[in-house]
C-alpha cells in the first residue's frame, strides 16, 4: 500500500511514519500548511521537516506557501469553525494530490496529536475521501505521541509550542498573561 501523508510538522510525522513503514506501507509526504504563522514559525517547522527528510530519507513534496491572508480570510477571522476549515483546506490539497499521483490513499500526521480535534480531522478526511474518490487512511496514532516526542528530542528537531495558527499563538500568550497576574 502507498499513502500520501499530509505532514503538519516534523515532530508529528515521526510516530505515524515509523508505525506505517513498520507495517510495510510506503509513505510519501506533503508539506502544505498555510495556517502556520508567523513566518518565523513557518520557517522553523519547514526547516525541521527538511532536516528529518535528510535523516530518514523519505520522499516529501513541498508546497512552500506562506498563506497568511488566505488563511485569515478562509477562517473568517478566527471564527469558531476555524479548526475544521484549517483541517479541510490541508486535507483537500492532500487528497487531490493523492488522486493525481495514483497512490492508494492519504492520511495526516495531525492524527498523532492529543492537542488536535481528532473527530473533526476524521470528518474532514472522510469528506475529502468522498470529494476526491481516494481512500482516507484512518489510524489513531495518539498512543504513540510520547514516543514521537522522544524521537524528536533525540534527533534535535525544533519543537513548537502551539498548533501553528495565529489564533492558537494568541491564545497561548493570552493564557500565560492571565495565569501570571497576581491574585490578591
N, C-alpha and C. Protein backbone atom coordinates (compact mmCIF):
# COMPACT_ATOMS: atom_id res chain seq x y z
N UNK A 1 0.85 -1.18 0.00
CA UNK A 1 0.00 0.00 0.00
C UNK A 1 0.89 1.24 0.00
N UNK A 2 0.48 2.26 -0.77
CA UNK A 2 1.18 3.53 -0.84
C UNK A 2 0.23 4.63 -0.36
N UNK A 3 0.72 5.44 0.60
CA UNK A 3 -0.07 6.54 1.13
C UNK A 3 0.66 7.86 0.97
N UNK A 4 -0.11 8.90 0.75
CA UNK A 4 0.40 10.26 0.82
C UNK A 4 -0.03 10.81 2.17
N UNK A 5 0.95 11.24 2.96
CA UNK A 5 0.66 11.78 4.29
C UNK A 5 0.84 13.29 4.31
N UNK A 6 -0.24 13.99 4.66
CA UNK A 6 -0.10 15.41 4.94
C UNK A 6 0.76 15.52 6.19
N UNK A 7 1.80 16.34 6.14
CA UNK A 7 2.68 16.50 7.30
C UNK A 7 2.55 17.92 7.83
N UNK A 8 2.03 18.02 9.05
CA UNK A 8 1.87 19.34 9.66
C UNK A 8 3.19 19.85 10.23
N UNK A 9 4.04 18.93 10.66
CA UNK A 9 5.36 19.29 11.18
C UNK A 9 6.18 18.01 11.31
N UNK A 10 7.48 18.17 11.42
CA UNK A 10 8.38 17.01 11.53
C UNK A 10 8.02 16.16 12.75
N UNK A 11 7.78 16.81 13.88
CA UNK A 11 7.53 16.09 15.13
C UNK A 11 6.32 15.17 15.06
N UNK A 12 5.24 15.69 14.51
CA UNK A 12 4.01 14.90 14.44
C UNK A 12 4.11 13.77 13.42
N UNK A 13 5.03 13.87 12.48
CA UNK A 13 5.14 12.83 11.47
C UNK A 13 5.93 11.62 11.95
N UNK A 14 6.73 11.77 12.99
CA UNK A 14 7.67 10.73 13.40
C UNK A 14 7.00 9.39 13.71
N UNK A 15 6.09 9.39 14.64
CA UNK A 15 5.45 8.13 15.04
C UNK A 15 4.60 7.54 13.92
N UNK A 16 3.77 8.33 13.23
CA UNK A 16 3.00 7.75 12.13
C UNK A 16 3.87 7.15 11.03
N UNK A 17 4.93 7.84 10.63
CA UNK A 17 5.81 7.31 9.58
C UNK A 17 6.47 6.03 10.06
N UNK A 18 6.97 6.03 11.28
CA UNK A 18 7.62 4.83 11.83
C UNK A 18 6.63 3.66 11.89
N UNK A 19 5.44 3.93 12.37
CA UNK A 19 4.42 2.88 12.52
C UNK A 19 3.98 2.33 11.16
N UNK A 20 3.67 3.21 10.23
CA UNK A 20 3.16 2.76 8.94
C UNK A 20 4.23 2.04 8.12
N UNK A 21 5.44 2.56 8.11
CA UNK A 21 6.50 1.86 7.37
C UNK A 21 6.82 0.52 8.03
N UNK A 22 6.66 0.45 9.35
CA UNK A 22 6.83 -0.82 10.06
C UNK A 22 5.80 -1.87 9.65
N UNK A 23 4.67 -1.41 9.14
CA UNK A 23 3.62 -2.31 8.66
C UNK A 23 3.77 -2.60 7.16
N UNK A 24 4.85 -2.10 6.56
CA UNK A 24 5.07 -2.33 5.14
C UNK A 24 4.36 -1.36 4.23
N UNK A 25 3.85 -0.27 4.79
CA UNK A 25 3.15 0.75 3.99
C UNK A 25 4.17 1.78 3.53
N UNK A 26 4.15 2.08 2.25
CA UNK A 26 5.05 3.07 1.68
C UNK A 26 4.45 4.46 1.88
N UNK A 27 5.25 5.37 2.43
CA UNK A 27 4.78 6.72 2.75
C UNK A 27 5.56 7.76 1.95
N UNK A 28 4.84 8.68 1.36
CA UNK A 28 5.45 9.91 0.87
C UNK A 28 4.72 11.04 1.58
N UNK A 29 5.40 12.16 1.71
CA UNK A 29 4.83 13.26 2.48
C UNK A 29 4.44 14.44 1.63
N UNK A 30 3.56 15.25 2.19
CA UNK A 30 3.17 16.51 1.56
C UNK A 30 3.18 17.60 2.62
N UNK A 31 4.00 18.62 2.40
CA UNK A 31 4.03 19.80 3.26
C UNK A 31 3.13 20.85 2.61
N UNK A 32 2.02 21.14 3.23
CA UNK A 32 1.13 22.21 2.80
C UNK A 32 0.47 22.74 4.06
N UNK A 33 0.95 23.87 4.55
CA UNK A 33 0.50 24.40 5.84
C UNK A 33 0.41 25.92 5.81
N UNK A 34 -0.54 26.47 5.05
CA UNK A 34 -0.68 27.92 5.01
C UNK A 34 -1.25 28.49 6.30
N UNK A 35 -1.52 27.63 7.26
CA UNK A 35 -2.06 28.04 8.55
C UNK A 35 -0.97 28.46 9.54
N UNK A 36 0.27 28.11 9.29
CA UNK A 36 1.33 28.33 10.29
C UNK A 36 1.83 29.77 10.23
N UNK A 37 1.78 30.43 11.39
CA UNK A 37 2.18 31.83 11.50
C UNK A 37 2.80 32.10 12.85
N UNK A 38 3.67 33.05 12.98
CA UNK A 38 4.19 33.97 11.97
C UNK A 38 5.19 33.27 11.04
N UNK A 39 5.76 34.04 10.12
CA UNK A 39 6.66 33.45 9.13
C UNK A 39 7.85 32.76 9.79
N UNK A 40 8.34 33.30 10.87
CA UNK A 40 9.49 32.68 11.55
C UNK A 40 9.13 31.26 12.01
N UNK A 41 7.92 31.08 12.52
CA UNK A 41 7.45 29.75 12.95
C UNK A 41 7.32 28.83 11.75
N UNK A 42 6.75 29.35 10.68
CA UNK A 42 6.60 28.59 9.44
C UNK A 42 7.97 28.07 8.98
N UNK A 43 8.96 28.96 8.96
CA UNK A 43 10.31 28.59 8.52
C UNK A 43 10.96 27.56 9.42
N UNK A 44 10.80 27.72 10.73
CA UNK A 44 11.38 26.75 11.67
C UNK A 44 10.80 25.36 11.45
N UNK A 45 9.50 25.27 11.26
CA UNK A 45 8.86 23.97 11.05
C UNK A 45 9.24 23.37 9.70
N UNK A 46 9.29 24.20 8.68
CA UNK A 46 9.68 23.73 7.35
C UNK A 46 11.12 23.20 7.38
N UNK A 47 12.02 23.94 7.99
CA UNK A 47 13.42 23.51 8.07
C UNK A 47 13.58 22.24 8.89
N UNK A 48 12.80 22.09 9.95
CA UNK A 48 12.86 20.85 10.76
C UNK A 48 12.42 19.65 9.93
N UNK A 49 11.41 19.83 9.09
CA UNK A 49 10.96 18.73 8.24
C UNK A 49 12.03 18.38 7.20
N UNK A 50 12.68 19.38 6.64
CA UNK A 50 13.75 19.11 5.68
C UNK A 50 14.90 18.37 6.36
N UNK A 51 15.18 18.72 7.60
CA UNK A 51 16.21 18.03 8.37
C UNK A 51 15.82 16.56 8.58
N UNK A 52 14.56 16.32 8.92
CA UNK A 52 14.08 14.96 9.10
C UNK A 52 14.14 14.20 7.78
N UNK A 53 13.75 14.84 6.71
CA UNK A 53 13.79 14.20 5.39
C UNK A 53 15.21 13.74 5.06
N UNK A 54 16.18 14.59 5.32
CA UNK A 54 17.58 14.22 5.08
C UNK A 54 18.00 13.05 5.94
N UNK A 55 17.55 13.05 7.19
CA UNK A 55 17.92 12.00 8.13
C UNK A 55 17.25 10.66 7.82
N UNK A 56 15.96 10.69 7.52
CA UNK A 56 15.19 9.46 7.32
C UNK A 56 15.06 9.06 5.86
N UNK A 57 15.46 9.93 4.96
CA UNK A 57 15.47 9.61 3.52
C UNK A 57 14.11 9.19 2.98
N UNK A 58 13.10 10.02 3.19
CA UNK A 58 11.83 9.71 2.55
C UNK A 58 11.35 10.88 1.70
N UNK A 59 10.50 10.56 0.76
CA UNK A 59 10.05 11.49 -0.26
C UNK A 59 9.00 12.45 0.29
N UNK A 60 9.25 13.75 0.13
CA UNK A 60 8.30 14.77 0.57
C UNK A 60 8.16 15.81 -0.53
N UNK A 61 6.93 16.12 -0.87
CA UNK A 61 6.65 17.22 -1.79
C UNK A 61 6.35 18.45 -0.93
N UNK A 62 6.92 19.58 -1.31
CA UNK A 62 6.73 20.81 -0.56
C UNK A 62 5.91 21.81 -1.38
N UNK A 63 4.79 22.21 -0.83
CA UNK A 63 4.06 23.35 -1.37
C UNK A 63 4.40 24.48 -0.39
N UNK A 64 5.45 25.19 -0.74
CA UNK A 64 6.01 26.21 0.16
C UNK A 64 5.24 27.51 -0.06
N UNK A 65 4.15 27.63 0.68
CA UNK A 65 3.25 28.76 0.51
C UNK A 65 2.89 29.33 1.88
N UNK A 66 3.36 30.52 2.13
CA UNK A 66 3.03 31.21 3.36
C UNK A 66 1.74 32.00 3.13
N UNK A 67 0.62 31.43 3.53
CA UNK A 67 -0.69 31.96 3.14
C UNK A 67 -1.46 32.70 4.21
N UNK A 68 -0.83 33.61 4.91
CA UNK A 68 -1.50 34.33 6.00
C UNK A 68 -2.82 34.97 5.56
N UNK A 69 -2.81 35.72 4.48
CA UNK A 69 -4.02 36.43 4.06
C UNK A 69 -5.14 35.46 3.71
N UNK A 70 -4.81 34.43 2.95
CA UNK A 70 -5.82 33.43 2.59
C UNK A 70 -6.35 32.70 3.82
N UNK A 71 -5.45 32.35 4.72
CA UNK A 71 -5.86 31.63 5.93
C UNK A 71 -6.83 32.47 6.77
N UNK A 72 -6.50 33.73 6.97
CA UNK A 72 -7.36 34.63 7.77
C UNK A 72 -8.73 34.78 7.09
N UNK A 73 -8.71 34.97 5.78
CA UNK A 73 -9.96 35.13 5.03
C UNK A 73 -10.79 33.85 5.11
N UNK A 74 -10.16 32.70 4.88
CA UNK A 74 -10.90 31.43 4.85
C UNK A 74 -11.46 31.06 6.22
N UNK A 75 -10.76 31.42 7.28
CA UNK A 75 -11.21 31.06 8.63
C UNK A 75 -12.09 32.14 9.24
N UNK A 76 -12.53 33.08 8.42
CA UNK A 76 -13.45 34.12 8.86
C UNK A 76 -12.93 34.82 10.11
N UNK A 77 -11.67 35.25 10.02
CA UNK A 77 -11.03 35.99 11.12
C UNK A 77 -11.07 35.25 12.46
N UNK A 78 -10.89 33.95 12.41
CA UNK A 78 -10.79 33.17 13.65
C UNK A 78 -12.11 32.69 14.20
N UNK A 79 -13.08 32.49 13.33
CA UNK A 79 -14.39 32.04 13.78
C UNK A 79 -14.31 30.71 14.52
N UNK A 80 -15.39 30.33 15.16
CA UNK A 80 -15.46 29.08 15.93
C UNK A 80 -15.08 27.86 15.10
N UNK A 81 -15.42 27.86 13.84
CA UNK A 81 -15.16 26.71 12.99
C UNK A 81 -13.80 26.72 12.32
N UNK A 82 -12.89 27.56 12.81
CA UNK A 82 -11.61 27.73 12.13
C UNK A 82 -10.80 26.44 12.04
N UNK A 83 -10.84 25.59 13.06
CA UNK A 83 -10.06 24.34 13.02
C UNK A 83 -10.58 23.42 11.92
N UNK A 84 -11.89 23.30 11.81
CA UNK A 84 -12.47 22.46 10.76
C UNK A 84 -12.06 22.99 9.39
N UNK A 85 -12.12 24.29 9.21
CA UNK A 85 -11.74 24.89 7.94
C UNK A 85 -10.26 24.64 7.65
N UNK A 86 -9.44 24.80 8.65
CA UNK A 86 -8.00 24.60 8.51
C UNK A 86 -7.67 23.15 8.14
N UNK A 87 -8.26 22.19 8.85
CA UNK A 87 -8.03 20.78 8.52
C UNK A 87 -8.51 20.47 7.11
N UNK A 88 -9.69 20.99 6.77
CA UNK A 88 -10.27 20.70 5.46
C UNK A 88 -9.41 21.24 4.33
N UNK A 89 -8.91 22.46 4.47
CA UNK A 89 -8.12 23.02 3.38
C UNK A 89 -6.84 22.24 3.16
N UNK A 90 -6.22 21.76 4.22
CA UNK A 90 -4.97 20.99 4.07
C UNK A 90 -5.25 19.57 3.57
N UNK A 91 -6.31 18.95 4.06
CA UNK A 91 -6.63 17.59 3.61
C UNK A 91 -7.22 17.60 2.19
N UNK A 92 -7.86 18.67 1.81
CA UNK A 92 -8.36 18.80 0.44
C UNK A 92 -7.18 18.74 -0.54
N UNK A 93 -6.16 19.51 -0.26
CA UNK A 93 -4.98 19.52 -1.13
C UNK A 93 -4.29 18.15 -1.12
N UNK A 94 -4.22 17.51 0.02
CA UNK A 94 -3.57 16.20 0.13
C UNK A 94 -4.35 15.15 -0.66
N UNK A 95 -5.66 15.13 -0.50
CA UNK A 95 -6.49 14.15 -1.22
C UNK A 95 -6.40 14.39 -2.73
N UNK A 96 -6.40 15.64 -3.12
CA UNK A 96 -6.28 15.98 -4.54
C UNK A 96 -4.96 15.45 -5.10
N UNK A 97 -3.87 15.66 -4.38
CA UNK A 97 -2.55 15.18 -4.82
C UNK A 97 -2.50 13.65 -4.81
N UNK A 98 -3.11 13.04 -3.82
CA UNK A 98 -3.14 11.57 -3.75
C UNK A 98 -3.85 11.01 -4.98
N UNK A 99 -4.95 11.60 -5.33
CA UNK A 99 -5.71 11.16 -6.51
C UNK A 99 -4.87 11.33 -7.77
N UNK A 100 -4.24 12.49 -7.90
CA UNK A 100 -3.43 12.79 -9.09
C UNK A 100 -2.24 11.84 -9.24
N UNK A 101 -1.64 11.45 -8.14
CA UNK A 101 -0.44 10.61 -8.20
C UNK A 101 -0.75 9.12 -8.20
N UNK A 102 -2.01 8.77 -7.97
CA UNK A 102 -2.42 7.37 -8.06
C UNK A 102 -2.02 6.49 -6.88
N UNK A 103 -1.75 7.10 -5.72
CA UNK A 103 -1.47 6.29 -4.54
C UNK A 103 -2.77 5.67 -4.03
N UNK A 104 -2.65 4.77 -3.08
CA UNK A 104 -3.81 4.04 -2.58
C UNK A 104 -4.68 4.87 -1.63
N UNK A 105 -4.12 5.90 -1.06
CA UNK A 105 -4.89 6.71 -0.13
C UNK A 105 -4.06 7.83 0.45
N UNK A 106 -4.68 8.56 1.38
CA UNK A 106 -4.00 9.68 2.04
C UNK A 106 -4.32 9.63 3.52
N UNK A 107 -3.47 10.28 4.29
CA UNK A 107 -3.65 10.38 5.73
C UNK A 107 -3.00 11.68 6.18
N UNK A 108 -2.92 11.89 7.49
CA UNK A 108 -2.31 13.10 8.01
C UNK A 108 -1.61 12.83 9.34
N UNK A 109 -0.51 13.52 9.53
CA UNK A 109 0.22 13.43 10.80
C UNK A 109 -0.55 14.10 11.93
N UNK A 110 -1.56 14.88 11.61
CA UNK A 110 -2.39 15.52 12.64
C UNK A 110 -3.04 14.49 13.56
N UNK A 111 -3.18 13.26 13.07
CA UNK A 111 -3.85 12.20 13.85
C UNK A 111 -3.02 11.71 15.03
N UNK A 112 -1.82 12.24 15.23
CA UNK A 112 -0.99 11.81 16.36
C UNK A 112 -1.14 12.74 17.57
N UNK A 113 -1.54 13.96 17.35
CA UNK A 113 -1.50 14.95 18.42
C UNK A 113 -2.72 14.90 19.34
N UNK A 114 -2.47 14.79 20.65
CA UNK A 114 -3.58 14.86 21.60
C UNK A 114 -4.15 16.28 21.72
N UNK A 115 -3.49 17.25 21.09
CA UNK A 115 -3.92 18.64 21.17
C UNK A 115 -4.82 19.04 20.01
N UNK A 116 -4.96 18.18 19.01
CA UNK A 116 -5.81 18.48 17.87
C UNK A 116 -7.21 17.91 18.09
N UNK A 117 -8.14 18.35 17.28
CA UNK A 117 -9.54 17.92 17.38
C UNK A 117 -9.72 16.68 16.50
N UNK A 118 -9.47 15.52 17.10
CA UNK A 118 -9.41 14.25 16.40
C UNK A 118 -10.65 13.98 15.56
N UNK A 119 -11.83 14.11 16.15
CA UNK A 119 -13.07 13.82 15.42
C UNK A 119 -13.28 14.78 14.25
N UNK A 120 -12.87 16.01 14.41
CA UNK A 120 -13.01 17.00 13.34
C UNK A 120 -12.07 16.65 12.18
N UNK A 121 -10.87 16.18 12.51
CA UNK A 121 -9.92 15.74 11.49
C UNK A 121 -10.50 14.56 10.71
N UNK A 122 -11.05 13.60 11.44
CA UNK A 122 -11.64 12.42 10.79
C UNK A 122 -12.76 12.83 9.85
N UNK A 123 -13.64 13.70 10.30
CA UNK A 123 -14.75 14.16 9.44
C UNK A 123 -14.24 14.87 8.19
N UNK A 124 -13.22 15.70 8.37
CA UNK A 124 -12.64 16.40 7.21
C UNK A 124 -12.02 15.39 6.25
N UNK A 125 -11.32 14.40 6.79
CA UNK A 125 -10.71 13.37 5.94
C UNK A 125 -11.74 12.58 5.16
N UNK A 126 -12.83 12.23 5.82
CA UNK A 126 -13.89 11.47 5.14
C UNK A 126 -14.58 12.30 4.07
N UNK A 127 -14.75 13.60 4.34
CA UNK A 127 -15.33 14.49 3.33
C UNK A 127 -14.45 14.56 2.09
N UNK A 128 -13.13 14.64 2.31
CA UNK A 128 -12.20 14.73 1.19
C UNK A 128 -12.08 13.39 0.46
N UNK A 129 -12.28 12.30 1.19
CA UNK A 129 -12.31 10.98 0.57
C UNK A 129 -13.45 10.93 -0.47
N UNK A 130 -14.61 11.41 -0.06
CA UNK A 130 -15.77 11.43 -0.98
C UNK A 130 -15.55 12.41 -2.13
N UNK A 131 -15.07 13.59 -1.80
CA UNK A 131 -14.88 14.63 -2.81
C UNK A 131 -13.91 14.20 -3.91
N UNK A 132 -12.82 13.54 -3.52
CA UNK A 132 -11.76 13.21 -4.49
C UNK A 132 -11.72 11.74 -4.87
N UNK A 133 -12.62 10.93 -4.30
CA UNK A 133 -12.68 9.49 -4.60
C UNK A 133 -11.33 8.81 -4.37
N UNK A 134 -10.75 9.08 -3.21
CA UNK A 134 -9.49 8.44 -2.81
C UNK A 134 -9.59 8.13 -1.33
N UNK A 135 -9.13 6.96 -0.93
CA UNK A 135 -9.29 6.44 0.42
C UNK A 135 -8.58 7.31 1.48
N UNK A 136 -9.30 7.65 2.54
CA UNK A 136 -8.72 8.32 3.70
C UNK A 136 -8.31 7.23 4.69
N UNK A 137 -7.02 7.08 4.88
CA UNK A 137 -6.50 6.07 5.79
C UNK A 137 -6.54 6.63 7.20
N UNK A 138 -7.31 6.00 8.04
CA UNK A 138 -7.51 6.47 9.40
C UNK A 138 -6.86 5.53 10.40
N UNK A 139 -5.98 6.08 11.21
CA UNK A 139 -5.41 5.33 12.33
C UNK A 139 -5.20 6.32 13.47
N UNK A 140 -5.54 5.89 14.65
CA UNK A 140 -5.35 6.72 15.84
C UNK A 140 -3.90 6.54 16.30
N UNK A 141 -3.07 7.52 15.99
CA UNK A 141 -1.66 7.47 16.35
C UNK A 141 -1.38 8.09 17.72
N UNK A 142 -2.40 8.61 18.38
CA UNK A 142 -2.20 9.33 19.64
C UNK A 142 -1.50 8.51 20.72
N UNK A 143 -1.71 7.18 20.81
CA UNK A 143 -0.97 6.43 21.82
C UNK A 143 0.56 6.51 21.66
N UNK A 144 1.04 6.87 20.47
CA UNK A 144 2.47 6.99 20.23
C UNK A 144 3.02 8.40 20.34
N UNK A 145 2.19 9.31 20.82
CA UNK A 145 2.60 10.72 20.94
C UNK A 145 3.90 10.87 21.72
N UNK A 146 3.98 10.27 22.91
CA UNK A 146 5.18 10.42 23.76
C UNK A 146 6.41 9.81 23.11
N UNK A 147 6.22 8.68 22.43
CA UNK A 147 7.35 8.07 21.72
C UNK A 147 7.86 9.03 20.64
N UNK A 148 6.95 9.67 19.93
CA UNK A 148 7.34 10.65 18.91
C UNK A 148 8.10 11.82 19.51
N UNK A 149 7.68 12.26 20.70
CA UNK A 149 8.38 13.35 21.39
C UNK A 149 9.82 12.94 21.69
N UNK A 150 10.00 11.73 22.17
CA UNK A 150 11.35 11.24 22.49
C UNK A 150 12.21 11.11 21.24
N UNK A 151 11.64 10.63 20.16
CA UNK A 151 12.38 10.53 18.90
C UNK A 151 12.79 11.93 18.44
N UNK A 152 11.86 12.86 18.54
CA UNK A 152 12.12 14.23 18.15
C UNK A 152 13.28 14.83 18.93
N UNK A 153 13.28 14.61 20.23
CA UNK A 153 14.37 15.12 21.08
C UNK A 153 15.69 14.49 20.69
N UNK A 154 15.68 13.19 20.43
CA UNK A 154 16.93 12.50 20.08
C UNK A 154 17.49 12.98 18.74
N UNK A 155 16.61 13.41 17.84
CA UNK A 155 17.05 13.92 16.54
C UNK A 155 17.39 15.42 16.58
N UNK A 156 17.06 16.08 17.69
CA UNK A 156 17.34 17.50 17.83
C UNK A 156 16.47 18.39 16.96
N UNK A 157 15.24 17.94 16.72
CA UNK A 157 14.33 18.72 15.88
C UNK A 157 13.71 19.88 16.65
N UNK A 158 13.41 20.94 15.94
CA UNK A 158 12.70 22.07 16.53
C UNK A 158 11.34 21.59 17.03
N UNK A 159 11.00 21.98 18.25
CA UNK A 159 9.72 21.57 18.85
C UNK A 159 8.87 22.81 19.08
N UNK A 160 7.74 22.88 18.42
CA UNK A 160 6.85 24.02 18.52
C UNK A 160 6.05 24.00 19.82
N UNK A 161 5.46 25.16 20.14
CA UNK A 161 4.74 25.29 21.40
C UNK A 161 3.26 25.63 21.22
N UNK A 162 2.77 25.57 19.99
CA UNK A 162 1.35 25.80 19.71
C UNK A 162 1.02 25.18 18.36
N UNK A 163 -0.25 25.06 18.06
CA UNK A 163 -0.69 24.33 16.86
C UNK A 163 -0.11 24.91 15.59
N UNK A 164 0.06 26.21 15.55
CA UNK A 164 0.65 26.82 14.37
C UNK A 164 -0.09 28.03 13.86
N UNK A 165 -1.40 28.08 14.09
CA UNK A 165 -2.13 29.22 13.54
C UNK A 165 -1.97 30.43 14.45
N UNK A 166 -2.20 31.57 13.86
CA UNK A 166 -2.03 32.83 14.57
C UNK A 166 -2.99 32.94 15.76
N UNK A 167 -4.13 32.29 15.65
CA UNK A 167 -5.12 32.32 16.73
C UNK A 167 -4.65 31.48 17.92
N UNK A 168 -4.06 30.32 17.63
CA UNK A 168 -3.59 29.50 18.75
C UNK A 168 -2.37 30.14 19.41
N UNK A 169 -1.58 30.86 18.62
CA UNK A 169 -0.45 31.58 19.22
C UNK A 169 -0.98 32.67 20.16
N UNK A 170 -2.00 33.39 19.71
CA UNK A 170 -2.60 34.43 20.54
C UNK A 170 -3.14 33.82 21.84
N UNK A 171 -3.85 32.69 21.71
CA UNK A 171 -4.42 32.04 22.90
C UNK A 171 -3.32 31.56 23.85
N UNK A 172 -2.22 31.09 23.29
CA UNK A 172 -1.09 30.64 24.12
C UNK A 172 -0.58 31.78 24.99
N UNK A 173 -0.36 32.95 24.39
CA UNK A 173 0.16 34.08 25.14
C UNK A 173 -0.88 34.71 26.04
N UNK A 174 -2.13 34.71 25.61
CA UNK A 174 -3.21 35.25 26.44
C UNK A 174 -3.34 34.44 27.72
N UNK A 175 -3.27 33.11 27.62
CA UNK A 175 -3.37 32.25 28.80
C UNK A 175 -2.19 32.49 29.74
N UNK A 176 -0.98 32.67 29.18
CA UNK A 176 0.19 32.93 30.01
C UNK A 176 0.02 34.24 30.78
N UNK A 177 -0.48 35.26 30.09
CA UNK A 177 -0.69 36.56 30.71
C UNK A 177 -1.73 36.47 31.82
N UNK A 178 -2.83 35.76 31.56
CA UNK A 178 -3.87 35.62 32.56
C UNK A 178 -3.39 34.82 33.76
N UNK A 179 -2.57 33.80 33.52
CA UNK A 179 -2.07 32.96 34.61
C UNK A 179 -0.99 33.65 35.44
N UNK A 180 -0.33 34.66 34.86
CA UNK A 180 0.75 35.30 35.59
C UNK A 180 0.31 36.52 36.41
N UNK A 181 -0.96 36.90 36.30
CA UNK A 181 -1.45 38.05 37.05
C UNK A 181 -1.50 37.69 38.55
N UNK A 182 -1.14 38.67 39.35
CA UNK A 182 -1.17 38.47 40.80
C UNK A 182 -2.61 38.36 41.29
N UNK A 183 -2.80 37.49 42.23
CA UNK A 183 -4.13 37.32 42.83
C UNK A 183 -4.07 37.88 44.23
N UNK A 184 -4.97 38.79 44.52
CA UNK A 184 -4.98 39.43 45.83
C UNK A 184 -6.01 38.79 46.72
